[in-house]
Amino acid sequence: MDKLNLIKLCVGAEKVEDLTDWQKSAHAKGPDGLPRHVTRMWPKRATELLDGGSLYWVFKGVVLCRQPIVRLDEVDRGDGIVRCGIVLDPDVIRVAATPRRPFQGWRYLPGADAPPDLRATRASEEPLPMALQNALAEIGVL
């Protein structure tokens, strides 16, 4: 069966290292120390997401990485609104750079449409400049 994933714009980050640096901060972690992304909407297809799904991150119009989804937690910030905390594996997995048009919030991403993971040998390479990654992804080279 095809894995169901989420895809989200990584607002305020220009590169994967910006995301990983942010997730090291106390503000980005839940009570268990794992990084989480808090969102207003609770995924209706939560059971499918929790069966091996990941959150794919889009940086400046290009999907560059993913993080496996560990669980979904209720988050109450004291304002009476229950939000969804998408708890993520702290290991960030780089994927083939894939262009993606802007959108709001998060979207479901079927596994068949998800970019493939980079080979372990490529994941540790020094990243290309973002402008070059965008240009190569646009023409389908990366």
C-alpha atoms as a PDB file:
ATOM      1  CA  MET A   1       0.000   0.000   0.000  1.00  0.00           C
ATOM      2  CA  ASP A   2       1.147   3.519  -0.826  1.00  0.00           C
ATOM      3  CA  LYS A   3       2.270   5.611   2.185  1.00  0.00           C
ATOM      4  CA  LEU A   4       0.409   8.835   2.856  1.00  0.00           C
ATOM      5  CA  ASN A   5       2.493  11.879   3.734  1.00  0.00           C
ATOM      6  CA  LEU A   6       2.094  15.585   4.404  1.00  0.00           C
ATOM      7  CA  ILE A   7       3.831  18.419   2.583  1.00  0.00           C
ATOM      8  CA  LYS A   8       4.370  21.874   4.064  1.00  0.00           C
ATOM      9  CA  LEU A   9       6.201  25.088   3.225  1.00  0.00           C
ATOM     10  CA  CYS A  10       9.129  25.680   5.567  1.00  0.00           C
ATOM     11  CA  VAL A  11       8.350  29.350   6.170  1.00  0.00           C
ATOM     12  CA  GLY A  12      11.264  31.498   7.253  1.00  0.00           C
ATOM     13  CA  ALA A  13      13.879  28.937   6.231  1.00  0.00           C
ATOM     14  CA  GLU A  14      16.036  29.119   3.138  1.00  0.00           C
ATOM     15  CA  LYS A  15      17.866  25.820   3.509  1.00  0.00           C
ATOM     16  CA  VAL A  16      17.593  22.524   5.380  1.00  0.00           C
ATOM     17  CA  GLU A  17      20.139  23.676   7.985  1.00  0.00           C
ATOM     18  CA  ASP A  18      17.788  26.530   8.954  1.00  0.00           C
ATOM     19  CA  LEU A  19      15.124  23.933   9.777  1.00  0.00           C
ATOM     20  CA  THR A  20      17.480  21.686  11.736  1.00  0.00           C
ATOM     21  CA  ASP A  21      18.863  24.658  13.678  1.00  0.00           C
ATOM     22  CA  TRP A  22      15.321  25.797  14.562  1.00  0.00           C
ATOM     23  CA  GLN A  23      14.305  22.294  15.652  1.00  0.00           C
ATOM     24  CA  LYS A  24      17.185  22.227  18.144  1.00  0.00           C
ATOM     25  CA  SER A  25      15.617  25.156  20.019  1.00  0.00           C
ATOM     26  CA  ALA A  26      13.402  24.563  23.046  1.00  0.00           C
ATOM     27  CA  HIS A  27      10.525  26.430  21.355  1.00  0.00           C
ATOM     28  CA  ALA A  28      10.366  23.859  18.545  1.00  0.00           C
ATOM     29  CA  LYS A  29      10.301  20.826  20.832  1.00  0.00           C
ATOM     30  CA  GLY A  30       7.484  19.163  22.684  1.00  0.00           C
ATOM     31  CA  PRO A  31       7.642  18.043  26.320  1.00  0.00           C
ATOM     32  CA  ASP A  32       9.398  14.821  25.220  1.00  0.00           C
ATOM     33  CA  GLY A  33      12.205  16.743  23.478  1.00  0.00           C
ATOM     34  CA  LEU A  34      11.116  15.728  19.965  1.00  0.00           C
ATOM     35  CA  PRO A  35      10.591  18.413  17.323  1.00  0.00           C
ATOM     36  CA  ARG A  36       7.009  19.156  16.422  1.00  0.00           C
ATOM     37  CA  HIS A  37       5.100  21.399  14.099  1.00  0.00           C
ATOM     38  CA  VAL A  38       1.882  22.799  15.540  1.00  0.00           C
ATOM     39  CA  THR A  39      -0.999  23.439  13.153  1.00  0.00           C
ATOM     40  CA  ARG A  40      -4.630  24.462  13.566  1.00  0.00           C
ATOM     41  CA  MET A  41      -6.070  21.646  11.485  1.00  0.00           C
ATOM     42  CA  TRP A  42      -6.080  18.021  12.587  1.00  0.00           C
ATOM     43  CA  PRO A  43      -5.508  15.607   9.667  1.00  0.00           C
ATOM     44  CA  LYS A  44      -8.653  13.605   8.962  1.00  0.00           C
ATOM     45  CA  ARG A  45      -6.456  10.806   7.590  1.00  0.00           C
ATOM     46  CA  ALA A  46      -4.328  10.565  10.744  1.00  0.00           C
ATOM     47  CA  THR A  47      -4.335   6.758  10.860  1.00  0.00           C
ATOM     48  CA  GLU A  48      -2.849   6.586   7.354  1.00  0.00           C
ATOM     49  CA  LEU A  49      -0.206   9.221   8.174  1.00  0.00           C
ATOM     50  CA  LEU A  50       0.865   7.331  11.285  1.00  0.00           C
ATOM     51  CA  ASP A  51       1.456   4.177   9.228  1.00  0.00           C
ATOM     52  CA  GLY A  52       4.909   5.249   8.022  1.00  0.00           C
ATOM     53  CA  GLY A  53       4.154   8.738   6.675  1.00  0.00           C
ATOM     54  CA  SER A  54       6.528  11.698   6.645  1.00  0.00           C
ATOM     55  CA  LEU A  55       6.315  15.471   6.565  1.00  0.00           C
ATOM     56  CA  TYR A  56       7.999  16.773   3.393  1.00  0.00           C
ATOM     57  CA  TRP A  57       9.421  20.294   3.675  1.00  0.00           C
ATOM     58  CA  VAL A  58       9.387  22.848   0.823  1.00  0.00           C
ATOM     59  CA  PHE A  59      12.132  25.517   0.843  1.00  0.00           C
ATOM     60  CA  LYS A  60      11.708  28.456  -1.539  1.00  0.00           C
ATOM     61  CA  GLY A  61       9.664  26.413  -3.997  1.00  0.00           C
ATOM     62  CA  VAL A  62      11.704  23.196  -3.799  1.00  0.00           C
ATOM     63  CA  VAL A  63      11.097  20.047  -1.713  1.00  0.00           C
ATOM     64  CA  LEU A  64      14.462  19.222  -0.119  1.00  0.00           C
ATOM     65  CA  CYS A  65      13.840  16.931   2.853  1.00  0.00           C
ATOM     66  CA  ARG A  66      11.409  14.926   4.925  1.00  0.00           C
ATOM     67  CA  GLN A  67      10.943  13.849   8.513  1.00  0.00           C
ATOM     68  CA  PRO A  68       9.045  10.713   9.544  1.00  0.00           C
ATOM     69  CA  ILE A  69       5.898  11.469  11.555  1.00  0.00           C
ATOM     70  CA  VAL A  70       6.104   9.857  15.006  1.00  0.00           C
ATOM     71  CA  ARG A  71       2.632  10.753  16.289  1.00  0.00           C
ATOM     72  CA  LEU A  72       0.016  13.504  16.488  1.00  0.00           C
ATOM     73  CA  ASP A  73      -0.480  15.222  19.856  1.00  0.00           C
ATOM     74  CA  GLU A  74      -3.193  17.557  21.055  1.00  0.00           C
ATOM     75  CA  VAL A  75      -1.734  20.976  21.870  1.00  0.00           C
ATOM     76  CA  ASP A  76      -3.623  23.474  24.029  1.00  0.00           C
ATOM     77  CA  ARG A  77      -1.953  26.852  24.371  1.00  0.00           C
ATOM     78  CA  GLY A  78      -4.435  28.034  26.971  1.00  0.00           C
ATOM     79  CA  ASP A  79      -6.772  29.790  24.548  1.00  0.00           C
ATOM     80  CA  GLY A  80      -9.276  26.937  24.392  1.00  0.00           C
ATOM     81  CA  ILE A  81      -8.306  25.974  20.839  1.00  0.00           C
ATOM     82  CA  VAL A  82      -7.040  22.425  20.502  1.00  0.00           C
ATOM     83  CA  ARG A  83      -4.333  22.252  17.854  1.00  0.00           C
ATOM     84  CA  CYS A  84      -2.478  19.374  16.254  1.00  0.00           C
ATOM     85  CA  GLY A  85       1.176  18.881  17.159  1.00  0.00           C
ATOM     86  CA  ILE A  86       2.821  16.866  14.403  1.00  0.00           C
ATOM     87  CA  VAL A  87       5.619  15.139  16.316  1.00  0.00           C
ATOM     88  CA  LEU A  88       8.587  14.456  14.059  1.00  0.00           C
ATOM     89  CA  ASP A  89      11.585  12.173  14.087  1.00  0.00           C
ATOM     90  CA  PRO A  90      14.593  14.459  14.689  1.00  0.00           C
ATOM     91  CA  ASP A  91      16.478  12.821  11.794  1.00  0.00           C
ATOM     92  CA  VAL A  92      16.037  14.860   8.634  1.00  0.00           C
ATOM     93  CA  ILE A  93      16.183  12.803   5.430  1.00  0.00           C
ATOM     94  CA  ARG A  94      17.255  14.641   2.299  1.00  0.00           C
ATOM     95  CA  VAL A  95      15.251  13.971  -0.855  1.00  0.00           C
ATOM     96  CA  ALA A  96      15.761  14.694  -4.534  1.00  0.00           C
ATOM     97  CA  ALA A  97      15.169  18.412  -5.065  1.00  0.00           C
ATOM     98  CA  THR A  98      11.685  18.705  -6.558  1.00  0.00           C
ATOM     99  CA  PRO A  99       9.945  21.963  -7.534  1.00  0.00           C
ATOM    100  CA  ARG A 100       6.630  22.697  -5.821  1.00  0.00           C
ATOM    101  CA  ARG A 101       4.317  25.662  -6.320  1.00  0.00           C
ATOM    102  CA  PRO A 102       3.351  27.714  -3.252  1.00  0.00           C
ATOM    103  CA  PHE A 103       0.294  26.728  -1.220  1.00  0.00           C
ATOM    104  CA  GLN A 104      -1.121  27.517   2.205  1.00  0.00           C
ATOM    105  CA  GLY A 105      -1.066  25.224   5.200  1.00  0.00           C
ATOM    106  CA  TRP A 106      -0.219  21.588   4.635  1.00  0.00           C
ATOM    107  CA  ARG A 107      -1.430  19.141   2.017  1.00  0.00           C
ATOM    108  CA  TYR A 108      -1.596  15.379   1.741  1.00  0.00           C
ATOM    109  CA  LEU A 109       1.125  13.872  -0.445  1.00  0.00           C
ATOM    110  CA  PRO A 110       0.633  10.322  -1.714  1.00  0.00           C
ATOM    111  CA  GLY A 111       3.781   8.215  -1.609  1.00  0.00           C
ATOM    112  CA  ALA A 112       3.707   7.806  -5.390  1.00  0.00           C
ATOM    113  CA  ASP A 113       4.079  11.602  -5.749  1.00  0.00           C
ATOM    114  CA  ALA A 114       6.772  11.992  -3.087  1.00  0.00           C
ATOM    115  CA  PRO A 115      10.352  12.748  -4.135  1.00  0.00           C
ATOM    116  CA  PRO A 116      12.768   9.848  -3.607  1.00  0.00           C
ATOM    117  CA  ASP A 117      15.301   9.915  -0.795  1.00  0.00           C
ATOM    118  CA  LEU A 118      18.851  10.797  -1.760  1.00  0.00           C
ATOM    119  CA  ARG A 119      21.378   7.987  -1.454  1.00  0.00           C
ATOM    120  CA  ALA A 120      23.268   8.150   1.838  1.00  0.00           C
ATOM    121  CA  THR A 121      26.444   9.155  -0.009  1.00  0.00           C
ATOM    122  CA  ARG A 122      24.701  12.151  -1.586  1.00  0.00           C
ATOM    123  CA  ALA A 123      22.903  13.253   1.581  1.00  0.00           C
ATOM    124  CA  SER A 124      26.198  14.148   3.236  1.00  0.00           C
ATOM    125  CA  GLU A 125      27.468  16.215   0.286  1.00  0.00           C
ATOM    126  CA  GLU A 126      27.823  19.954   0.638  1.00  0.00           C
ATOM    127  CA  PRO A 127      24.505  21.386  -0.617  1.00  0.00           C
ATOM    128  CA  LEU A 128      24.442  23.338  -3.852  1.00  0.00           C
ATOM    129  CA  PRO A 129      23.521  27.030  -3.670  1.00  0.00           C
ATOM    130  CA  MET A 130      19.732  27.405  -3.490  1.00  0.00           C
ATOM    131  CA  ALA A 131      19.504  29.287  -6.818  1.00  0.00           C
ATOM    132  CA  LEU A 132      21.343  26.453  -8.569  1.00  0.00           C
ATOM    133  CA  GLN A 133      19.178  23.805  -6.857  1.00  0.00           C
ATOM    134  CA  ASN A 134      16.062  25.646  -7.990  1.00  0.00           C
ATOM    135  CA  ALA A 135      17.312  25.929 -11.572  1.00  0.00           C
ATOM    136  CA  LEU A 136      18.326  22.249 -11.749  1.00  0.00           C
ATOM    137  CA  ALA A 137      15.061  21.098 -10.173  1.00  0.00           C
ATOM    138  CA  GLU A 138      13.092  23.254 -12.606  1.00  0.00           C
ATOM    139  CA  ILE A 139      14.626  21.464 -15.592  1.00  0.00           C
ATOM    140  CA  GLY A 140      14.407  18.042 -13.935  1.00  0.00           C
ATOM    141  CA  VAL A 141      18.118  17.419 -13.401  1.00  0.00           C
ATOM    142  CA  LEU A 142      18.040  17.133  -9.592  1.00  0.00           C
END
